[in-house]
PDB file of N, CA and C in Angstrom:
ATOM      1  N   MET A   1      88.280  69.358 101.813  1.00  0.00           N
ATOM      2  CA  MET A   1      88.191  70.652 100.938  1.00  0.00           C
ATOM      3  C   MET A   1      88.189  70.121  99.537  1.00  0.00           C
ATOM      4  N   THR A   2      87.503  70.802  98.769  1.00  0.00           N
ATOM      5  CA  THR A   2      87.656  70.501  97.323  1.00  0.00           C
ATOM      6  C   THR A   2      87.761  71.890  96.807  1.00  0.00           C
ATOM      7  N   ILE A   3      88.989  71.929  95.842  1.00  0.00           N
ATOM      8  CA  ILE A   3      89.288  73.120  95.087  1.00  0.00           C
ATOM      9  C   ILE A   3      89.393  72.738  93.750  1.00  0.00           C
ATOM     10  N   ASP A   4      88.528  73.800  92.999  1.00  0.00           N
ATOM     11  CA  ASP A   4      88.475  73.779  91.480  1.00  0.00           C
ATOM     12  C   ASP A   4      90.048  73.335  90.855  1.00  0.00           C
ATOM     13  N   GLU A   5      89.925  72.664  90.052  1.00  0.00           N
ATOM     14  CA  GLU A   5      91.279  72.325  89.180  1.00  0.00           C
ATOM     15  C   GLU A   5      92.010  73.584  88.498  1.00  0.00           C
ATOM     16  N   ASP A   6      91.392  74.329  87.985  1.00  0.00           N
ATOM     17  CA  ASP A   6      92.003  75.494  87.725  1.00  0.00           C
ATOM     18  C   ASP A   6      92.778  76.425  88.612  1.00  0.00           C
ATOM     19  N   LEU A   7      92.139  76.394  89.789  1.00  0.00           N
ATOM     20  CA  LEU A   7      92.643  77.034  90.963  1.00  0.00           C
ATOM     21  C   LEU A   7      93.832  76.396  91.437  1.00  0.00           C
ATOM     22  N   VAL A   8      93.629  74.935  91.420  1.00  0.00           N
ATOM     23  CA  VAL A   8      94.934  74.202  91.843  1.00  0.00           C
ATOM     24  C   VAL A   8      96.044  74.388  91.197  1.00  0.00           C
ATOM     25  N   VAL A   9      95.878  74.545  89.901  1.00  0.00           N
ATOM     26  CA  VAL A   9      96.762  74.825  88.912  1.00  0.00           C
ATOM     27  C   VAL A   9      97.509  76.227  89.071  1.00  0.00           C
ATOM     28  N   ALA A  10      96.505  77.333  89.291  1.00  0.00           N
ATOM     29  CA  ALA A  10      97.233  78.687  89.581  1.00  0.00           C
ATOM     30  C   ALA A  10      97.970  78.509  90.912  1.00  0.00           C
ATOM     31  N   VAL A  11      97.669  77.967  92.128  1.00  0.00           N
ATOM     32  CA  VAL A  11      98.368  77.870  93.288  1.00  0.00           C
ATOM     33  C   VAL A  11      99.511  77.168  92.974  1.00  0.00           C
ATOM     34  N   ASP A  12      99.646  76.105  92.331  1.00  0.00           N
ATOM     35  CA  ASP A  12     100.560  75.295  92.156  1.00  0.00           C
ATOM     36  C   ASP A  12     101.920  76.150  91.315  1.00  0.00           C
ATOM     37  N   GLU A  13     101.348  76.902  90.552  1.00  0.00           N
ATOM     38  CA  GLU A  13     102.270  77.900  89.664  1.00  0.00           C
ATOM     39  C   GLU A  13     102.859  78.958  90.832  1.00  0.00           C
ATOM     40  N   VAL A  14     102.038  79.316  91.613  1.00  0.00           N
ATOM     41  CA  VAL A  14     102.418  80.331  92.762  1.00  0.00           C
ATOM     42  C   VAL A  14     103.604  79.975  93.483  1.00  0.00           C
ATOM     43  N   VAL A  15     103.108  78.720  94.143  1.00  0.00           N
ATOM     44  CA  VAL A  15     103.904  77.939  95.147  1.00  0.00           C
ATOM     45  C   VAL A  15     105.321  77.673  94.626  1.00  0.00           C
ATOM     46  N   LYS A  16     105.283  77.480  93.353  1.00  0.00           N
ATOM     47  CA  LYS A  16     106.607  77.008  92.727  1.00  0.00           C
ATOM     48  C   LYS A  16     107.496  77.993  92.789  1.00  0.00           C
ATOM     49  N   LYS A  17     106.853  79.333  92.321  1.00  0.00           N
ATOM     50  CA  LYS A  17     107.606  80.466  92.241  1.00  0.00           C
ATOM     51  C   LYS A  17     108.325  81.009  93.503  1.00  0.00           C
ATOM     52  N   LEU A  18     107.341  80.920  94.707  1.00  0.00           N
ATOM     53  CA  LEU A  18     107.718  81.381  96.033  1.00  0.00           C
ATOM     54  C   LEU A  18     108.309  80.340  96.785  1.00  0.00           C
ATOM     55  N   LYS A  19     108.718  79.040  96.177  1.00  0.00           N
ATOM     56  CA  LYS A  19     109.238  78.010  96.797  1.00  0.00           C
ATOM     57  C   LYS A  19     108.765  77.689  98.145  1.00  0.00           C
ATOM     58  N   THR A  20     107.639  77.221  98.233  1.00  0.00           N
ATOM     59  CA  THR A  20     106.928  76.892  99.486  1.00  0.00           C
ATOM     60  C   THR A  20     106.000  75.886  98.995  1.00  0.00           C
ATOM     61  N   THR A  21     105.047  75.304  99.860  1.00  0.00           N
ATOM     62  CA  THR A  21     104.172  74.186  99.834  1.00  0.00           C
ATOM     63  C   THR A  21     102.743  74.857  99.498  1.00  0.00           C
ATOM     64  N   ARG A  22     102.184  74.010  99.045  1.00  0.00           N
ATOM     65  CA  ARG A  22     100.727  74.478  98.721  1.00  0.00           C
ATOM     66  C   ARG A  22      99.890  74.533 100.111  1.00  0.00           C
ATOM     67  N   SER A  23     100.029  73.695 101.046  1.00  0.00           N
ATOM     68  CA  SER A  23      99.702  73.779 102.164  1.00  0.00           C
ATOM     69  C   SER A  23     100.053  74.951 102.840  1.00  0.00           C
ATOM     70  N   SER A  24     101.268  75.181 103.036  1.00  0.00           N
ATOM     71  CA  SER A  24     101.801  76.534 103.629  1.00  0.00           C
ATOM     72  C   SER A  24     101.125  77.749 102.944  1.00  0.00           C
ATOM     73  N   PHE A  25     101.132  77.887 101.688  1.00  0.00           N
ATOM     74  CA  PHE A  25     100.634  78.867 100.954  1.00  0.00           C
ATOM     75  C   PHE A  25      99.104  79.039 101.335  1.00  0.00           C
ATOM     76  N   ILE A  26      98.262  77.938 101.388  1.00  0.00           N
ATOM     77  CA  ILE A  26      96.923  78.148 101.639  1.00  0.00           C
ATOM     78  C   ILE A  26      96.735  78.653 102.886  1.00  0.00           C
ATOM     79  N   ARG A  27      97.334  78.089 103.976  1.00  0.00           N
ATOM     80  CA  ARG A  27      97.348  78.441 105.386  1.00  0.00           C
ATOM     81  C   ARG A  27      97.448  79.893 105.497  1.00  0.00           C
ATOM     82  N   GLU A  28      98.785  80.294 104.916  1.00  0.00           N
ATOM     83  CA  GLU A  28      98.935  81.902 104.997  1.00  0.00           C
ATOM     84  C   GLU A  28      98.009  82.811 104.342  1.00  0.00           C
ATOM     85  N   THR A  29      97.628  82.327 103.288  1.00  0.00           N
ATOM     86  CA  THR A  29      96.360  82.891 102.504  1.00  0.00           C
ATOM     87  C   THR A  29      95.085  83.116 103.087  1.00  0.00           C
ATOM     88  N   LEU A  30      94.666  82.081 103.778  1.00  0.00           N
ATOM     89  CA  LEU A  30      93.608  81.808 104.582  1.00  0.00           C
ATOM     90  C   LEU A  30      93.621  82.727 105.642  1.00  0.00           C
ATOM     91  N   ARG A  31      95.095  83.043 106.410  1.00  0.00           N
ATOM     92  CA  ARG A  31      95.112  83.857 107.709  1.00  0.00           C
ATOM     93  C   ARG A  31      95.074  85.397 107.101  1.00  0.00           C
ATOM     94  N   GLU A  32      95.662  85.755 105.975  1.00  0.00           N
ATOM     95  CA  GLU A  32      95.477  86.967 105.496  1.00  0.00           C
ATOM     96  C   GLU A  32      94.103  87.505 105.005  1.00  0.00           C
ATOM     97  N   ALA A  33      93.307  86.387 104.450  1.00  0.00           N
ATOM     98  CA  ALA A  33      91.833  86.680 104.280  1.00  0.00           C
ATOM     99  C   ALA A  33      91.280  86.919 105.514  1.00  0.00           C
ATOM    100  N   ILE A  34      91.469  86.129 106.524  1.00  0.00           N
ATOM    101  CA  ILE A  34      90.514  86.318 107.798  1.00  0.00           C
ATOM    102  C   ILE A  34      90.719  87.506 108.510  1.00  0.00           C
ATOM    103  N   HIS A  35      92.261  88.127 108.391  1.00  0.00           N
ATOM    104  CA  HIS A  35      92.595  89.455 109.039  1.00  0.00           C
ATOM    105  C   HIS A  35      91.894  90.202 108.234  1.00  0.00           C
ATOM    106  N   GLN A  36      91.902  90.141 106.876  1.00  0.00           N
ATOM    107  CA  GLN A  36      91.305  91.389 105.914  1.00  0.00           C
ATOM    108  C   GLN A  36      89.919  91.668 106.440  1.00  0.00           C
ATOM    109  N   PHE A  37      89.207  90.217 106.528  1.00  0.00           N
ATOM    110  CA  PHE A  37      87.705  90.219 107.002  1.00  0.00           C
ATOM    111  C   PHE A  37      87.375  90.986 108.212  1.00  0.00           C
ATOM    112  N   LYS A  38      88.394  90.499 109.283  1.00  0.00           N
ATOM    113  CA  LYS A  38      88.160  91.384 110.534  1.00  0.00           C
ATOM    114  C   LYS A  38      88.382  92.762 110.560  1.00  0.00           C
ATOM    115  N   VAL A  39      89.341  93.276 109.471  1.00  0.00           N
ATOM    116  CA  VAL A  39      89.583  94.589 109.510  1.00  0.00           C
ATOM    117  C   VAL A  39      88.494  95.389 108.975  1.00  0.00           C
ATOM    118  N   ARG A  40      87.795  94.836 108.009  1.00  0.00           N
ATOM    119  CA  ARG A  40      86.817  95.173 107.372  1.00  0.00           C
ATOM    120  C   ARG A  40      85.424  95.558 108.139  1.00  0.00           C
ATOM    121  N   GLU A  41      85.082  94.430 109.020  1.00  0.00           N
ATOM    122  CA  GLU A  41      84.221  94.370 110.181  1.00  0.00           C
ATOM    123  C   GLU A  41      84.392  95.426 110.920  1.00  0.00           C
ATOM    124  N   GLN A  42      85.630  95.667 111.400  1.00  0.00           N
ATOM    125  CA  GLN A  42      85.984  96.800 112.428  1.00  0.00           C
ATOM    126  C   GLN A  42      85.818  98.289 111.836  1.00  0.00           C
ATOM    127  N   GLU A  43      86.148  98.298 110.575  1.00  0.00           N
ATOM    128  CA  GLU A  43      85.840  99.545 109.725  1.00  0.00           C
ATOM    129  C   GLU A  43      84.305  99.730 109.567  1.00  0.00           C
ATOM    130  N   LEU A  44      83.596  98.849 109.409  1.00  0.00           N
ATOM    131  CA  LEU A  44      82.190  99.004 109.239  1.00  0.00           C
ATOM    132  C   LEU A  44      81.691  99.465 110.598  1.00  0.00           C
ATOM    133  N   LYS A  45      82.039  98.928 111.602  1.00  0.00           N
ATOM    134  CA  LYS A  45      81.521  99.188 112.982  1.00  0.00           C
ATOM    135  C   LYS A  45      81.915 100.562 113.220  1.00  0.00           C
ATOM    136  N   HIS A  46      83.007 101.100 113.034  1.00  0.00           N
ATOM    137  CA  HIS A  46      83.467 102.524 113.299  1.00  0.00           C
ATOM    138  C   HIS A  46      82.714 103.410 112.401  1.00  0.00           C
ATOM    139  N   ARG A  47      82.533 102.988 111.087  1.00  0.00           N
ATOM    140  CA  ARG A  47      81.772 103.777 110.255  1.00  0.00           C
ATOM    141  C   ARG A  47      80.374 103.983 110.726  1.00  0.00           C
ATOM    142  N   LYS A  48      79.639 102.902 111.364  1.00  0.00           N
ATOM    143  CA  LYS A  48      78.378 102.851 111.579  1.00  0.00           C
ATOM    144  C   LYS A  48      78.117 103.617 113.076  1.00  0.00           C
ATOM    145  N   GLY A  49      79.456 103.565 113.766  1.00  0.00           N
ATOM    146  CA  GLY A  49      79.269 104.311 115.119  1.00  0.00           C
ATOM    147  C   GLY A  49      79.453 106.033 114.870  1.00  0.00           C
ATOM    148  N   TYR A  50      80.239 106.015 113.854  1.00  0.00           N
ATOM    149  CA  TYR A  50      80.483 107.738 113.742  1.00  0.00           C
ATOM    150  C   TYR A  50      79.101 108.245 112.846  1.00  0.00           C
ATOM    151  N   GLY A  51      78.543 107.343 111.957  1.00  0.00           N
ATOM    152  CA  GLY A  51      77.372 107.741 111.514  1.00  0.00           C
ATOM    153  C   GLY A  51      76.117 108.067 112.381  1.00  0.00           C
ATOM    154  N   ARG A  52      76.040 107.192 113.643  1.00  0.00           N
ATOM    155  CA  ARG A  52      75.173 107.507 114.747  1.00  0.00           C
ATOM    156  C   ARG A  52      75.661 108.799 115.712  1.00  0.00           C
ATOM    157  N   LYS A  53      76.961 108.873 115.690  1.00  0.00           N
ATOM    158  CA  LYS A  53      77.325 110.000 116.521  1.00  0.00           C
ATOM    159  C   LYS A  53      78.850 110.656 115.863  1.00  0.00           C
ATOM    160  N   PRO A  54      78.534 111.615 114.953  1.00  0.00           N
ATOM    161  CA  PRO A  54      79.622 112.149 114.093  1.00  0.00           C
ATOM    162  C   PRO A  54      80.503 112.861 115.198  1.00  0.00           C
ATOM    163  N   VAL A  55      81.823 113.010 114.404  1.00  0.00           N
ATOM    164  CA  VAL A  55      82.800 113.604 115.136  1.00  0.00           C
ATOM    165  C   VAL A  55      82.581 114.965 115.410  1.00  0.00           C
ATOM    166  N   GLY A  56      82.596 115.466 116.746  1.00  0.00           N
ATOM    167  CA  GLY A  56      82.176 116.994 117.111  1.00  0.00           C
ATOM    168  C   GLY A  56      83.400 117.932 116.293  1.00  0.00           C
ATOM    169  N   LYS A  57      82.993 119.227 116.271  1.00  0.00           N
ATOM    170  CA  LYS A  57      83.372 120.064 115.499  1.00  0.00           C
ATOM    171  C   LYS A  57      84.906 120.352 115.973  1.00  0.00           C
ATOM    172  N   ASP A  58      85.206 120.361 117.430  1.00  0.00           N
ATOM    173  CA  ASP A  58      86.732 120.447 117.972  1.00  0.00           C
ATOM    174  C   ASP A  58      87.219 119.218 118.420  1.00  0.00           C
ATOM    175  N   GLU A  59      86.546 118.217 118.315  1.00  0.00           N
ATOM    176  CA  GLU A  59      86.818 116.902 118.893  1.00  0.00           C
ATOM    177  C   GLU A  59      88.317 116.488 118.797  1.00  0.00           C
ATOM    178  N   PHE A  60      88.950 117.019 117.664  1.00  0.00           N
ATOM    179  CA  PHE A  60      90.232 116.475 117.563  1.00  0.00           C
ATOM    180  C   PHE A  60      91.235 117.561 117.198  1.00  0.00           C
ATOM    181  N   SER A  61      90.450 118.755 117.538  1.00  0.00           N
ATOM    182  CA  SER A  61      91.589 119.941 117.310  1.00  0.00           C
ATOM    183  C   SER A  61      92.943 119.959 118.173  1.00  0.00           C
ATOM    184  N   VAL A  62      92.925 119.560 119.474  1.00  0.00           N
ATOM    185  CA  VAL A  62      94.078 119.388 119.942  1.00  0.00           C
ATOM    186  C   VAL A  62      95.028 118.564 119.564  1.00  0.00           C
ATOM    187  N   TRP A  63      94.851 117.424 118.937  1.00  0.00           N
ATOM    188  CA  TRP A  63      95.678 116.582 118.286  1.00  0.00           C
ATOM    189  C   TRP A  63      96.213 117.278 117.031  1.00  0.00           C
ATOM    190  N   GLU A  64      95.326 117.773 116.144  1.00  0.00           N
ATOM    191  CA  GLU A  64      95.774 118.605 115.026  1.00  0.00           C
ATOM    192  C   GLU A  64      96.876 119.681 115.282  1.00  0.00           C
ATOM    193  N   LYS A  65      96.656 120.315 116.364  1.00  0.00           N
ATOM    194  CA  LYS A  65      97.536 121.336 116.936  1.00  0.00           C
ATOM    195  C   LYS A  65      98.840 120.574 117.093  1.00  0.00           C
ATOM    196  N   LYS A  66      98.817 119.666 117.865  1.00  0.00           N
ATOM    197  CA  LYS A  66     100.137 118.877 118.272  1.00  0.00           C
ATOM    198  C   LYS A  66     100.790 118.299 117.052  1.00  0.00           C
ATOM    199  N   ARG A  67     100.090 117.940 116.247  1.00  0.00           N
ATOM    200  CA  ARG A  67     100.641 117.230 114.824  1.00  0.00           C
ATOM    201  C   ARG A  67     101.238 118.353 113.914  1.00  0.00           C
ATOM    202  N   ASN A  68     100.613 119.288 114.109  1.00  0.00           N
ATOM    203  CA  ASN A  68     101.316 120.563 113.098  1.00  0.00           C
ATOM    204  C   ASN A  68     102.323 121.212 113.592  1.00  0.00           C
ATOM    205  N   LEU A  69     102.456 121.274 115.107  1.00  0.00           N
ATOM    206  CA  LEU A  69     103.543 121.775 115.777  1.00  0.00           C
ATOM    207  C   LEU A  69     104.807 120.784 115.530  1.00  0.00           C
ATOM    208  N   SER A  70     104.523 119.502 115.437  1.00  0.00           N
ATOM    209  CA  SER A  70     105.528 118.525 115.226  1.00  0.00           C
ATOM    210  C   SER A  70     106.116 118.650 113.934  1.00  0.00           C
ATOM    211  N   ARG A  71     105.151 118.783 113.032  1.00  0.00           N
ATOM    212  CA  ARG A  71     105.886 118.843 111.608  1.00  0.00           C
ATOM    213  C   ARG A  71     106.567 120.297 111.544  1.00  0.00           C
ATOM    214  N   VAL A  72     106.239 121.380 112.009  1.00  0.00           N
ATOM    215  CA  VAL A  72     106.949 122.555 112.027  1.00  0.00           C
ATOM    216  C   VAL A  72     108.374 122.292 112.600  1.00  0.00           C
ATOM    217  N   GLU A  73     108.338 121.655 113.847  1.00  0.00           N
ATOM    218  CA  GLU A  73     109.600 121.530 114.525  1.00  0.00           C
ATOM    219  C   GLU A  73     110.518 120.520 113.793  1.00  0.00           C
ATOM    220  N   ALA A  74     110.068 119.439 113.086  1.00  0.00           N
ATOM    221  CA  ALA A  74     110.839 118.456 112.310  1.00  0.00           C
ATOM    222  C   ALA A  74     111.390 119.297 110.900  1.00  0.00           C
ATOM    223  N   ALA A  75     110.571 120.243 110.379  1.00  0.00           N
ATOM    224  CA  ALA A  75     111.241 121.031 109.345  1.00  0.00           C
ATOM    225  C   ALA A  75     112.186 121.955 109.735  1.00  0.00           C
ATOM    226  N   ASN A  76     112.522 122.398 111.016  1.00  0.00           N
ATOM    227  CA  ASN A  76     113.475 123.120 111.258  1.00  0.00           C
ATOM    228  C   ASN A  76     114.443 122.374 111.708  1.00  0.00           C
TER     229      ASN A  76
END
């Protein structure tokens, strides 16, 4: 793997402050980036699905009523 020198310098500054190693930091950063990528993919998939089949007018009304009742009970 080749990393631009300015990026290596920036990573080294961060790992020094975090008191970790370059390898550990890069591993964790890659894990986070992959997780974010998967979340964005899933969100796009949901967005497309709801675009093809929008939420019905009363589809979530039961849950909204329950949520509102829970809020009223919690306030009392």
